[in-house]
Amino acid sequence: HQAFGLVCHQIPDRSFAIHDVPLPVCARCTGLYFGFLLGSLTLVGSLELAPQRWSVPPRRAVLLTAAIPALVEGGAEISDLWAGVPAARAMTGAVFGMVIPFYFIPAADEMLTEARAEISRLLIKWENAHAATRAR
C-alpha cells in the first residue's frame, strides 16, 4: 500500500475491496491499470498483424478525448454534482488507460532503439580505439 500511496490517494470509499480490505489503489487507478493492460494487449496483437501500423502514435487529440470522461466524472464529483461510484470511476479510468499504450509503447520502443544504436556506436568506437592501441 505504501508504494501505491505515492501515486494514488487510496481513499477507502473510492476503492474496490476484497474481503473488506481496500485495494492499494482507488477504483479509477484500478480501471486505468486494467485499461492499460487491455490497450497493451490490443496494440501488441495489432502489431503482429501489421508491424508498421502503430509505429507512430495517434494524434494527441485521441489521448485528450479519452481523458474527458474521467475529467467530467471527477469534476462532477469534486463539485458535488454527483456522488460518484467506484464502477463509474473504474470505467472512466479504463477508457483513458486503454489509449495510453498507443503512445507509451511506441515511445519506449523508439527510446530502446536509440539506446541500442548508441551502445553499438560506442562499442565500435571502443573497438577501433583498442585496435589502434594494439597496432602500436
Protein backbone atom coordinates (compact mmCIF):
# COMPACT_ATOMS: atom_id res chain seq x y z
CA HIS A 1 0.00 0.00 0.00
CA GLN A 2 2.85 2.38 0.76
CA ALA A 3 4.32 2.22 -2.73
CA PHE A 4 0.96 2.87 -4.39
CA GLY A 5 0.35 5.69 -1.92
CA LEU A 6 2.88 7.71 -3.92
CA VAL A 7 0.59 7.68 -6.99
CA CYS A 8 -2.92 7.28 -5.55
CA HIS A 9 -4.96 8.88 -2.77
CA GLN A 10 -6.17 5.42 -1.62
CA ILE A 11 -9.42 6.70 -0.10
CA PRO A 12 -11.22 3.50 1.02
CA ASP A 13 -14.68 4.79 -0.02
CA ARG A 14 -13.36 5.29 -3.54
CA SER A 15 -11.66 1.91 -3.80
CA PHE A 16 -12.74 -1.61 -4.54
CA ALA A 17 -12.23 -4.06 -1.69
CA ILE A 18 -11.60 -7.76 -1.43
CA HIS A 19 -12.90 -9.30 1.82
CA ASP A 20 -13.37 -5.78 3.22
CA VAL A 21 -9.73 -4.90 2.52
CA PRO A 22 -9.40 -1.94 0.10
CA LEU A 23 -7.15 -2.43 -2.90
CA PRO A 24 -3.93 -0.40 -2.78
CA VAL A 25 -5.26 1.94 -5.48
CA CYS A 26 -8.61 3.66 -5.96
CA ALA A 27 -11.22 2.46 -8.44
CA ARG A 28 -10.11 4.98 -11.11
CA CYS A 29 -6.48 3.86 -10.86
CA THR A 30 -7.61 0.22 -10.92
CA GLY A 31 -9.52 0.96 -14.14
CA LEU A 32 -6.53 2.85 -15.51
CA TYR A 33 -4.19 -0.10 -14.90
CA PHE A 34 -6.61 -2.67 -16.34
CA GLY A 35 -7.25 -0.37 -19.30
CA PHE A 36 -3.51 -0.06 -19.85
CA LEU A 37 -3.23 -3.86 -19.84
CA LEU A 38 -6.09 -4.23 -22.34
CA GLY A 39 -4.72 -1.47 -24.55
CA SER A 40 -1.26 -3.06 -24.46
CA LEU A 41 -2.64 -6.44 -25.45
CA THR A 42 -4.63 -4.83 -28.25
CA LEU A 43 -1.59 -2.94 -29.51
CA VAL A 44 0.68 -5.98 -29.38
CA GLY A 45 -1.96 -8.04 -31.21
CA SER A 46 -2.30 -5.41 -33.92
CA LEU A 47 1.49 -5.15 -34.26
CA GLU A 48 1.68 -8.87 -35.02
CA LEU A 49 -0.78 -8.39 -37.87
CA ALA A 50 0.67 -5.14 -39.24
CA PRO A 51 4.03 -4.22 -37.63
CA GLN A 52 4.24 -0.72 -39.11
CA ARG A 53 0.63 0.19 -38.36
CA TRP A 54 1.23 1.64 -34.88
CA SER A 55 4.86 2.73 -35.13
CA VAL A 56 3.62 6.32 -34.85
CA PRO A 57 1.22 7.22 -32.04
CA PRO A 58 -2.23 8.61 -32.85
CA ARG A 59 -2.80 12.35 -32.71
CA ARG A 60 -2.77 13.89 -29.23
CA ALA A 61 -6.45 14.70 -29.61
CA VAL A 62 -7.20 10.98 -29.18
CA LEU A 63 -5.43 10.96 -25.80
CA LEU A 64 -7.18 14.14 -24.70
CA THR A 65 -10.56 12.82 -25.84
CA ALA A 66 -10.03 9.61 -23.86
CA ALA A 67 -9.33 11.70 -20.74
CA ILE A 68 -12.60 13.65 -21.00
CA PRO A 69 -14.86 11.05 -19.29
CA ALA A 70 -12.56 10.87 -16.24
CA LEU A 71 -12.25 14.66 -16.13
CA VAL A 72 -16.02 15.15 -16.34
CA GLU A 73 -16.80 12.41 -13.81
CA GLY A 74 -14.08 13.58 -11.42
CA GLY A 75 -15.06 17.22 -11.84
CA ALA A 76 -18.71 16.45 -11.15
CA GLU A 77 -17.67 14.55 -8.06
CA ILE A 78 -15.39 17.32 -6.77
CA SER A 79 -18.08 19.97 -7.33
CA ASP A 80 -20.69 17.81 -5.53
CA LEU A 81 -22.84 17.49 -8.66
CA TRP A 82 -22.62 13.72 -8.41
CA ALA A 83 -21.68 11.36 -5.60
CA GLY A 84 -19.67 9.06 -7.84
CA VAL A 85 -19.45 5.30 -7.58
CA PRO A 86 -16.41 3.05 -7.89
CA ALA A 87 -17.74 1.40 -11.07
CA ALA A 88 -18.01 4.78 -12.85
CA ARG A 89 -14.54 5.75 -11.66
CA ALA A 90 -13.13 2.44 -12.89
CA MET A 91 -14.80 2.73 -16.31
CA THR A 92 -13.58 6.29 -16.91
CA GLY A 93 -10.08 5.26 -15.80
CA ALA A 94 -10.17 2.25 -18.12
CA VAL A 95 -11.16 4.36 -21.13
CA PHE A 96 -8.15 6.60 -20.57
CA GLY A 97 -5.86 3.68 -19.69
CA MET A 98 -6.69 1.81 -22.90
CA VAL A 99 -5.34 4.66 -25.01
CA ILE A 100 -2.07 5.28 -23.14
CA PRO A 101 -0.18 2.23 -24.56
CA PHE A 102 -0.64 3.57 -28.09
CA TYR A 103 1.63 6.45 -27.03
CA PHE A 104 3.80 4.80 -24.39
CA ILE A 105 4.85 1.64 -26.25
CA PRO A 106 5.99 3.36 -29.49
CA ALA A 107 7.90 5.93 -27.40
CA ALA A 108 9.55 3.21 -25.31
CA ASP A 109 10.38 1.23 -28.48
CA GLU A 110 11.96 4.30 -30.08
CA MET A 111 13.93 5.02 -26.92
CA LEU A 112 15.26 1.44 -26.79
CA THR A 113 16.15 1.52 -30.49
CA GLU A 114 18.11 4.74 -29.99
CA ALA A 115 19.84 3.32 -26.90
CA ARG A 116 20.88 0.18 -28.82
CA ALA A 117 22.23 2.31 -31.67
CA GLU A 118 24.20 4.48 -29.23
CA ILE A 119 25.64 1.43 -27.45
CA SER A 120 26.65 -0.06 -30.81
CA ARG A 121 28.28 3.23 -31.82
CA LEU A 122 30.21 3.38 -28.53
CA LEU A 123 31.32 -0.27 -28.83
CA ILE A 124 32.60 0.30 -32.36
CA LYS A 125 34.43 3.43 -31.20
CA TRP A 126 35.96 1.50 -28.29
CA GLU A 127 36.95 -1.42 -30.53
CA ASN A 128 38.59 0.97 -33.02
CA ALA A 129 40.49 2.71 -30.22
CA HIS A 130 41.52 -0.64 -28.76
CA ALA A 131 42.67 -1.90 -32.18
CA ALA A 132 44.68 1.26 -32.72
CA THR A 133 46.37 0.79 -29.34
CA ARG A 134 47.27 -2.82 -30.18
CA ALA A 135 48.64 -1.80 -33.57
CA ARG A 136 51.22 0.48 -31.91
